C-alpha atoms as a PDB file:
ATOM      1  CA  MET A   1    -102.923 -64.893  29.975  1.00  0.00           C
ATOM      2  CA  VAL A   2    -100.518 -62.102  30.400  1.00  0.00           C
ATOM      3  CA  PRO A   3     -98.826 -61.097  27.209  1.00  0.00           C
ATOM      4  CA  GLU A   4     -94.996 -61.992  26.935  1.00  0.00           C
ATOM      5  CA  ARG A   5     -93.308 -58.533  27.111  1.00  0.00           C
ATOM      6  CA  ARG A   6     -90.793 -57.694  24.093  1.00  0.00           C
ATOM      7  CA  ARG A   7     -87.334 -57.438  25.104  1.00  0.00           C
ATOM      8  CA  PRO A   8     -85.405 -54.278  23.799  1.00  0.00           C
ATOM      9  CA  LYS A   9     -83.408 -54.532  20.862  1.00  0.00           C
ATOM     10  CA  PHE A  10     -80.289 -53.631  22.419  1.00  0.00           C
ATOM     11  CA  HIS A  11     -76.886 -55.260  22.051  1.00  0.00           C
ATOM     12  CA  ARG A  12     -74.035 -54.565  24.332  1.00  0.00           C
ATOM     13  CA  ALA A  13     -70.863 -55.278  22.606  1.00  0.00           C
ATOM     14  CA  PRO A  14     -67.441 -55.773  23.753  1.00  0.00           C
ATOM     15  CA  ALA A  15     -65.459 -52.569  24.221  1.00  0.00           C
ATOM     16  CA  ASN A  16     -63.078 -53.346  21.757  1.00  0.00           C
ATOM     17  CA  VAL A  17     -65.346 -54.098  19.005  1.00  0.00           C
ATOM     18  CA  ARG A  18     -67.203 -50.761  19.757  1.00  0.00           C
ATOM     19  CA  ARG A  19     -64.046 -48.943  19.563  1.00  0.00           C
ATOM     20  CA  GLU A  20     -63.235 -50.421  16.042  1.00  0.00           C
ATOM     21  CA  ALA A  21     -66.667 -49.581  14.769  1.00  0.00           C
ATOM     22  CA  LEU A  22     -66.426 -46.041  15.904  1.00  0.00           C
ATOM     23  CA  ILE A  23     -63.166 -45.963  14.183  1.00  0.00           C
ATOM     24  CA  ASP A  24     -64.412 -47.363  10.852  1.00  0.00           C
ATOM     25  CA  ALA A  25     -67.245 -45.041  11.434  1.00  0.00           C
ATOM     26  CA  THR A  26     -65.025 -42.142  11.657  1.00  0.00           C
ATOM     27  CA  LEU A  27     -62.997 -43.090   8.467  1.00  0.00           C
ATOM     28  CA  ALA A  28     -66.193 -43.525   6.391  1.00  0.00           C
ATOM     29  CA  CYS A  29     -67.468 -40.070   7.512  1.00  0.00           C
ATOM     30  CA  LEU A  30     -64.097 -38.162   6.931  1.00  0.00           C
ATOM     31  CA  ARG A  31     -63.554 -40.156   3.456  1.00  0.00           C
ATOM     32  CA  LYS A  32     -67.361 -38.957   2.214  1.00  0.00           C
ATOM     33  CA  HIS A  33     -67.342 -35.363   4.014  1.00  0.00           C
ATOM     34  CA  GLY A  34     -64.013 -34.381   4.988  1.00  0.00           C
ATOM     35  CA  HIS A  35     -63.779 -31.875   7.778  1.00  0.00           C
ATOM     36  CA  ALA A  36     -67.530 -31.775   7.848  1.00  0.00           C
ATOM     37  CA  GLY A  37     -67.045 -35.266   8.992  1.00  0.00           C
ATOM     38  CA  VAL A  38     -65.597 -34.566  12.349  1.00  0.00           C
ATOM     39  CA  SER A  39     -68.824 -34.694  14.007  1.00  0.00           C
ATOM     40  CA  ALA A  40     -70.234 -36.870  16.883  1.00  0.00           C
ATOM     41  CA  ARG A  41     -73.592 -36.728  15.375  1.00  0.00           C
ATOM     42  CA  ARG A  42     -72.501 -38.214  11.654  1.00  0.00           C
ATOM     43  CA  ILE A  43     -70.149 -40.677  13.258  1.00  0.00           C
ATOM     44  CA  GLY A  44     -72.841 -42.040  15.962  1.00  0.00           C
ATOM     45  CA  ALA A  45     -75.346 -42.060  12.834  1.00  0.00           C
ATOM     46  CA  VAL A  46     -72.758 -44.187  10.668  1.00  0.00           C
ATOM     47  CA  ALA A  47     -71.817 -46.486  13.808  1.00  0.00           C
ATOM     48  CA  ARG A  48     -75.624 -46.716  14.997  1.00  0.00           C
ATOM     49  CA  VAL A  49     -74.551 -45.552  18.465  1.00  0.00           C
ATOM     50  CA  SER A  50     -75.581 -42.256  20.315  1.00  0.00           C
ATOM     51  CA  PRO A  51     -73.243 -39.531  19.824  1.00  0.00           C
ATOM     52  CA  GLY A  52     -72.435 -39.514  23.750  1.00  0.00           C
ATOM     53  CA  LEU A  53     -70.955 -42.990  23.879  1.00  0.00           C
ATOM     54  CA  ILE A  54     -68.024 -41.526  21.697  1.00  0.00           C
ATOM     55  CA  THR A  55     -66.841 -40.146  25.076  1.00  0.00           C
ATOM     56  CA  HIS A  56     -67.396 -43.242  26.863  1.00  0.00           C
ATOM     57  CA  HIS A  57     -64.879 -45.009  24.491  1.00  0.00           C
ATOM     58  CA  PHE A  58     -62.417 -41.869  23.615  1.00  0.00           C
ATOM     59  CA  PRO A  59     -61.468 -38.914  25.867  1.00  0.00           C
ATOM     60  CA  SER A  60     -62.604 -36.695  23.122  1.00  0.00           C
ATOM     61  CA  LEU A  61     -63.717 -36.704  19.484  1.00  0.00           C
ATOM     62  CA  SER A  62     -60.298 -35.554  18.499  1.00  0.00           C
ATOM     63  CA  ALA A  63     -58.894 -38.806  20.155  1.00  0.00           C
ATOM     64  CA  LEU A  64     -61.368 -40.607  18.310  1.00  0.00           C
ATOM     65  CA  VAL A  65     -59.876 -38.958  14.771  1.00  0.00           C
ATOM     66  CA  ALA A  66     -56.492 -39.712  16.199  1.00  0.00           C
ATOM     67  CA  ALA A  67     -57.183 -43.354  16.570  1.00  0.00           C
ATOM     68  CA  ALA A  68     -58.700 -43.405  13.183  1.00  0.00           C
ATOM     69  CA  TYR A  69     -55.653 -41.774  11.692  1.00  0.00           C
ATOM     70  CA  GLU A  70     -53.168 -44.217  13.261  1.00  0.00           C
ATOM     71  CA  SER A  71     -55.411 -47.505  12.112  1.00  0.00           C
ATOM     72  CA  LEU A  72     -55.512 -46.239   8.625  1.00  0.00           C
ATOM     73  CA  ALA A  73     -51.786 -45.257   8.447  1.00  0.00           C
ATOM     74  CA  MET A  74     -50.669 -48.647   9.820  1.00  0.00           C
ATOM     75  CA  SER A  75     -53.187 -50.867   7.987  1.00  0.00           C
ATOM     76  CA  LEU A  76     -51.920 -49.232   4.771  1.00  0.00           C
ATOM     77  CA  LEU A  77     -48.251 -49.687   5.419  1.00  0.00           C
ATOM     78  CA  HIS A  78     -48.853 -53.067   6.471  1.00  0.00           C
ATOM     79  CA  SER A  79     -50.623 -53.907   3.124  1.00  0.00           C
ATOM     80  CA  ILE A  80     -47.928 -52.100   1.097  1.00  0.00           C
ATOM     81  CA  GLU A  81     -45.398 -53.859   2.673  1.00  0.00           C
ATOM     82  CA  GLN A  82     -46.971 -57.061   2.667  1.00  0.00           C
ATOM     83  CA  HIS A  83     -47.286 -56.975  -1.295  1.00  0.00           C
ATOM     84  CA  ALA A  84     -43.915 -55.939  -1.366  1.00  0.00           C
ATOM     85  CA  ARG A  85     -42.446 -58.986   0.530  1.00  0.00           C
ATOM     86  CA  GLU A  86     -44.946 -61.724  -0.482  1.00  0.00           C
ATOM     87  CA  ALA A  87     -42.932 -62.671  -3.582  1.00  0.00           C
ATOM     88  CA  GLN A  88     -39.493 -64.576  -3.179  1.00  0.00           C
ATOM     89  CA  THR A  89     -37.410 -61.940  -5.360  1.00  0.00           C
ATOM     90  CA  THR A  90     -34.625 -59.473  -5.061  1.00  0.00           C
ATOM     91  CA  ALA A  91     -34.139 -56.299  -3.005  1.00  0.00           C
ATOM     92  CA  ARG A  92     -34.474 -54.227  -6.106  1.00  0.00           C
ATOM     93  CA  GLU A  93     -37.906 -55.993  -7.144  1.00  0.00           C
ATOM     94  CA  ARG A  94     -39.208 -55.776  -3.643  1.00  0.00           C
ATOM     95  CA  LEU A  95     -38.834 -51.872  -3.798  1.00  0.00           C
ATOM     96  CA  ARG A  96     -40.588 -51.917  -7.054  1.00  0.00           C
ATOM     97  CA  ARG A  97     -43.378 -53.866  -5.573  1.00  0.00           C
ATOM     98  CA  PHE A  98     -43.656 -51.514  -2.828  1.00  0.00           C
ATOM     99  CA  PHE A  99     -43.823 -48.486  -5.298  1.00  0.00           C
ATOM    100  CA  GLN A 100     -46.407 -50.420  -7.176  1.00  0.00           C
ATOM    101  CA  ALA A 101     -48.719 -50.860  -4.309  1.00  0.00           C
ATOM    102  CA  SER A 102     -48.083 -47.340  -3.127  1.00  0.00           C
ATOM    103  CA  PHE A 103     -49.833 -46.166  -6.531  1.00  0.00           C
ATOM    104  CA  ALA A 104     -52.414 -48.746  -6.678  1.00  0.00           C
ATOM    105  CA  PRO A 105     -56.025 -47.442  -7.412  1.00  0.00           C
ATOM    106  CA  GLY A 106     -57.357 -47.733  -4.100  1.00  0.00           C
ATOM    107  CA  LEU A 107     -54.833 -45.504  -2.662  1.00  0.00           C
ATOM    108  CA  LEU A 108     -55.471 -43.093  -5.393  1.00  0.00           C
ATOM    109  CA  GLU A 109     -59.232 -42.619  -4.484  1.00  0.00           C
ATOM    110  CA  PRO A 110     -60.335 -39.017  -3.662  1.00  0.00           C
ATOM    111  CA  GLY A 111     -61.946 -40.192  -0.256  1.00  0.00           C
ATOM    112  CA  LEU A 112     -58.540 -41.156   1.272  1.00  0.00           C
ATOM    113  CA  PHE A 113     -57.242 -38.183   0.116  1.00  0.00           C
ATOM    114  CA  ASN A 114     -60.156 -36.112   2.253  1.00  0.00           C
ATOM    115  CA  ALA A 115     -59.598 -38.179   4.970  1.00  0.00           C
ATOM    116  CA  TRP A 116     -55.628 -37.223   4.997  1.00  0.00           C
ATOM    117  CA  LEU A 117     -56.443 -33.834   4.662  1.00  0.00           C
ATOM    118  CA  VAL A 118     -58.158 -33.727   7.883  1.00  0.00           C
ATOM    119  CA  PHE A 119     -55.354 -35.518   9.711  1.00  0.00           C
ATOM    120  CA  TRP A 120     -52.760 -32.783   8.536  1.00  0.00           C
ATOM    121  CA  SER A 121     -55.139 -29.918   9.253  1.00  0.00           C
ATOM    122  CA  MET A 122     -55.323 -30.934  12.845  1.00  0.00           C
ATOM    123  CA  MET A 123     -51.611 -31.710  13.433  1.00  0.00           C
ATOM    124  CA  ALA A 124     -50.991 -28.217  14.022  1.00  0.00           C
ATOM    125  CA  HIS A 125     -53.163 -27.839  17.045  1.00  0.00           C
ATOM    126  CA  ASP A 126     -53.791 -31.182  18.204  1.00  0.00           C
ATOM    127  CA  ALA A 127     -51.129 -32.725  20.157  1.00  0.00           C
ATOM    128  CA  ARG A 128     -52.584 -36.413  19.791  1.00  0.00           C
ATOM    129  CA  VAL A 129     -52.802 -36.144  16.032  1.00  0.00           C
ATOM    130  CA  ARG A 130     -49.467 -34.704  15.900  1.00  0.00           C
ATOM    131  CA  ALA A 131     -48.015 -37.683  17.950  1.00  0.00           C
ATOM    132  CA  VAL A 132     -49.785 -40.145  15.751  1.00  0.00           C
ATOM    133  CA  HIS A 133     -48.156 -38.610  12.659  1.00  0.00           C
ATOM    134  CA  ASP A 134     -44.821 -38.797  14.343  1.00  0.00           C
ATOM    135  CA  ARG A 135     -45.193 -42.532  15.318  1.00  0.00           C
ATOM    136  CA  THR A 136     -46.321 -43.457  11.559  1.00  0.00           C
ATOM    137  CA  TYR A 137     -43.819 -41.928  10.098  1.00  0.00           C
ATOM    138  CA  VAL A 138     -40.981 -43.560  11.837  1.00  0.00           C
ATOM    139  CA  ALA A 139     -42.717 -46.570  11.037  1.00  0.00           C
ATOM    140  CA  TYR A 140     -43.186 -45.790   7.455  1.00  0.00           C
ATOM    141  CA  ARG A 141     -39.484 -44.870   7.287  1.00  0.00           C
ATOM    142  CA  ALA A 142     -38.250 -48.037   9.090  1.00  0.00           C
ATOM    143  CA  VAL A 143     -39.982 -50.025   6.581  1.00  0.00           C
ATOM    144  CA  LEU A 144     -38.028 -48.081   3.732  1.00  0.00           C
ATOM    145  CA  GLU A 145     -34.774 -48.339   5.730  1.00  0.00           C
ATOM    146  CA  SER A 146     -34.999 -51.940   5.855  1.00  0.00           C
ATOM    147  CA  MET A 147     -35.791 -52.229   2.401  1.00  0.00           C
ATOM    148  CA  LEU A 148     -32.939 -50.090   1.194  1.00  0.00           C
ATOM    149  CA  GLY A 149     -30.370 -51.596   3.766  1.00  0.00           C
ATOM    150  CA  GLU A 150     -31.209 -54.897   1.892  1.00  0.00           C
ATOM    151  CA  LEU A 151     -30.345 -53.438  -1.098  1.00  0.00           C
ATOM    152  CA  SER A 152     -27.153 -52.055   0.108  1.00  0.00           C
ATOM    153  CA  GLY A 153     -26.521 -55.430   1.754  1.00  0.00           C
ATOM    154  CA  ASP A 154     -27.086 -57.558  -1.502  1.00  0.00           C
ATOM    155  CA  GLY A 155     -24.279 -55.834  -3.642  1.00  0.00           C
ATOM    156  CA  GLY A 156     -26.968 -53.981  -5.732  1.00  0.00           C
ATOM    157  CA  ALA A 157     -25.669 -50.538  -4.656  1.00  0.00           C
ATOM    158  CA  PRO A 158     -22.622 -48.753  -3.213  1.00  0.00           C
ATOM    159  CA  HIS A 159     -22.475 -48.495   0.264  1.00  0.00           C
ATOM    160  CA  PHE A 160     -24.687 -45.493   1.125  1.00  0.00           C
ATOM    161  CA  LYS A 161     -26.501 -43.806   4.245  1.00  0.00           C
ATOM    162  CA  VAL A 162     -29.709 -45.767   4.827  1.00  0.00           C
ATOM    163  CA  ARG A 163     -31.534 -42.969   7.112  1.00  0.00           C
ATOM    164  CA  PRO A 164     -31.053 -40.013   4.929  1.00  0.00           C
ATOM    165  CA  ALA A 165     -31.787 -42.286   1.677  1.00  0.00           C
ATOM    166  CA  ALA A 166     -35.274 -43.417   3.344  1.00  0.00           C
ATOM    167  CA  ILE A 167     -36.053 -39.793   3.996  1.00  0.00           C
ATOM    168  CA  ALA A 168     -35.399 -38.672   0.694  1.00  0.00           C
ATOM    169  CA  LEU A 169     -37.365 -41.416  -0.855  1.00  0.00           C
ATOM    170  CA  ALA A 170     -40.320 -41.100   1.757  1.00  0.00           C
ATOM    171  CA  ALA A 171     -40.527 -37.315   0.241  1.00  0.00           C
ATOM    172  CA  LEU A 172     -40.510 -38.510  -3.068  1.00  0.00           C
ATOM    173  CA  LEU A 173     -43.391 -41.027  -2.609  1.00  0.00           C
ATOM    174  CA  ASP A 174     -45.337 -38.721  -0.624  1.00  0.00           C
ATOM    175  CA  GLY A 175     -45.004 -35.935  -2.965  1.00  0.00           C
ATOM    176  CA  LEU A 176     -46.151 -38.029  -6.007  1.00  0.00           C
ATOM    177  CA  TRP A 177     -49.275 -39.503  -4.151  1.00  0.00           C
ATOM    178  CA  ILE A 178     -50.175 -36.077  -3.181  1.00  0.00           C
ATOM    179  CA  GLU A 179     -49.968 -34.871  -6.820  1.00  0.00           C
ATOM    180  CA  ALA A 180     -51.530 -37.802  -8.001  1.00  0.00           C
ATOM    181  CA  SER A 181     -54.650 -37.672  -5.451  1.00  0.00           C
ATOM    182  CA  MET A 182     -55.322 -34.110  -6.009  1.00  0.00           C
ATOM    183  CA  ASN A 183     -55.092 -34.107  -9.879  1.00  0.00           C
ATOM    184  CA  PRO A 184     -55.013 -37.704 -11.400  1.00  0.00           C
ATOM    185  CA  ARG A 185     -54.600 -36.159 -15.073  1.00  0.00           C
ATOM    186  CA  THR A 186     -51.122 -34.882 -13.924  1.00  0.00           C
ATOM    187  CA  PHE A 187     -49.397 -38.387 -14.837  1.00  0.00           C
ATOM    188  CA  LYS A 188     -50.255 -42.104 -14.675  1.00  0.00           C
ATOM    189  CA  PRO A 189     -49.380 -44.368 -11.540  1.00  0.00           C
ATOM    190  CA  ALA A 190     -47.135 -46.138 -13.877  1.00  0.00           C
ATOM    191  CA  GLU A 191     -45.147 -43.107 -14.493  1.00  0.00           C
ATOM    192  CA  ALA A 192     -44.881 -42.295 -10.626  1.00  0.00           C
ATOM    193  CA  VAL A 193     -43.447 -45.943  -9.989  1.00  0.00           C
ATOM    194  CA  ALA A 194     -41.216 -45.537 -12.830  1.00  0.00           C
ATOM    195  CA  LEU A 195     -39.811 -42.273 -11.413  1.00  0.00           C
ATOM    196  CA  CYS A 196     -39.222 -43.946  -8.151  1.00  0.00           C
ATOM    197  CA  ASP A 197     -37.630 -46.974  -9.548  1.00  0.00           C
ATOM    198  CA  ASP A 198     -35.193 -44.368 -11.678  1.00  0.00           C
ATOM    199  CA  TRP A 199     -34.291 -42.773  -8.163  1.00  0.00           C
ATOM    200  CA  ILE A 200     -33.189 -46.171  -6.976  1.00  0.00           C
ATOM    201  CA  SER A 201     -31.123 -46.672 -10.274  1.00  0.00           C
ATOM    202  CA  ALA A 202     -29.452 -43.354  -9.592  1.00  0.00           C
ATOM    203  CA  LEU A 203     -28.768 -44.513  -5.992  1.00  0.00           C
ATOM    204  CA  SER A 204     -27.419 -47.803  -7.155  1.00  0.00           C
ATOM    205  CA  ALA A 205     -25.227 -46.121  -9.930  1.00  0.00           C
ATOM    206  CA  GLY A 206     -23.792 -43.978  -7.052  1.00  0.00           C
ATOM    207  CA  ALA A 207     -25.110 -40.853  -8.755  1.00  0.00           C
ATOM    208  CA  LEU A 208     -26.350 -39.426  -5.459  1.00  0.00           C
ATOM    209  CA  PRO A 209     -23.380 -38.420  -3.886  1.00  0.00           C
ATOM    210  CA  SER A 210     -24.514 -36.687  -0.778  1.00  0.00           C
ATOM    211  CA  LEU A 211     -25.902 -40.336   0.262  1.00  0.00           C
ATOM    212  CA  LEU A 212     -22.798 -42.209  -0.306  1.00  0.00           C
ATOM    213  CA  HIS A 213     -20.508 -43.098   2.769  1.00  0.00           C
ATOM    214  CA  PRO A 214     -17.049 -41.486   2.142  1.00  0.00           C
ATOM    215  CA  PRO A 215     -14.214 -43.892   1.178  1.00  0.00           C
ATOM    216  CA  ALA A 216     -12.350 -45.335   4.044  1.00  0.00           C
ATOM    217  CA  ARG A 217      -9.078 -43.787   4.647  1.00  0.00           C
ATOM    218  CA  ARG A 218      -6.113 -46.098   4.254  1.00  0.00           C
ATOM    219  CA  THR A 219      -3.933 -45.989   7.119  1.00  0.00           C
ATOM    220  CA  THR A 220      -0.038 -46.059   6.506  1.00  0.00           C
ATOM    221  CA  ARG A 221       2.370 -47.078   9.068  1.00  0.00           C
ATOM    222  CA  PRO A 222       5.076 -44.675   9.192  1.00  0.00           C
ATOM    223  CA  ARG A 223       8.311 -46.014   7.775  1.00  0.00           C
ATOM    224  CA  SER A 224      10.831 -46.895  10.549  1.00  0.00           C
ATOM    225  CA  PRO A 225      14.345 -45.725   9.610  1.00  0.00           C
ATOM    226  CA  PRO A 226      16.714 -48.114   8.036  1.00  0.00           C
ATOM    227  CA  GLU A 227      18.950 -50.051  10.436  1.00  0.00           C
ATOM    228  CA  PRO A 228      22.598 -49.082  10.194  1.00  0.00           C
ATOM    229  CA  GLY A 229      24.388 -51.577   8.218  1.00  0.00           C
ATOM    230  CA  PRO A 230      28.018 -52.705   9.460  1.00  0.00           C
ATOM    231  CA  ARG A 231      30.786 -50.114   9.615  1.00  0.00           C
ATOM    232  CA  ARG A 232      33.706 -50.710   7.315  1.00  0.00           C
END
């Protein structure tokens, strides 16, 4: 009897599944190893594929890192926005929920900051990574503009300039997140939420004059000369 040949243990996954697996492996490597995680060998080992398969699915290793950056940034943004909007409440409360989700424990773990440091360091010399930053920042600011616009629209704040207000709020959120990630002993997440909430209170009270629209000027019609009365 001829012995049955054993089939090789090889599974050909669909291209989109393989790409997602490589992105997940890249993020795992960056979280654990930081800059040292930008390695085809490390990523391939975590994804359980040969390093050469990376260039089969991505133009280069840096293109894979850029794809991982976009995947992570957009998934976090969607998660935070979903938390903010999942409750039927006021525009002010939705913003507070956005702040709370932005400083949740999962967003302050050191591995996430390690990955972000890699992305930031590559922006200066990698056009793909820089383009991802530009796209994801626009998406992040668009969410803030939408939520701030709702605050202005429901009468909870004076009529203010939404775009620069979103830029300022994004800078406040990013700055607090960076410091909290670098040194969690500096302040508690609840303090960061309170600071962001205070900023909204100041905006709502008209205490940020550079963000306010100037009051509309009243146009007065020139008075017409009086009609001459009857001669006596």
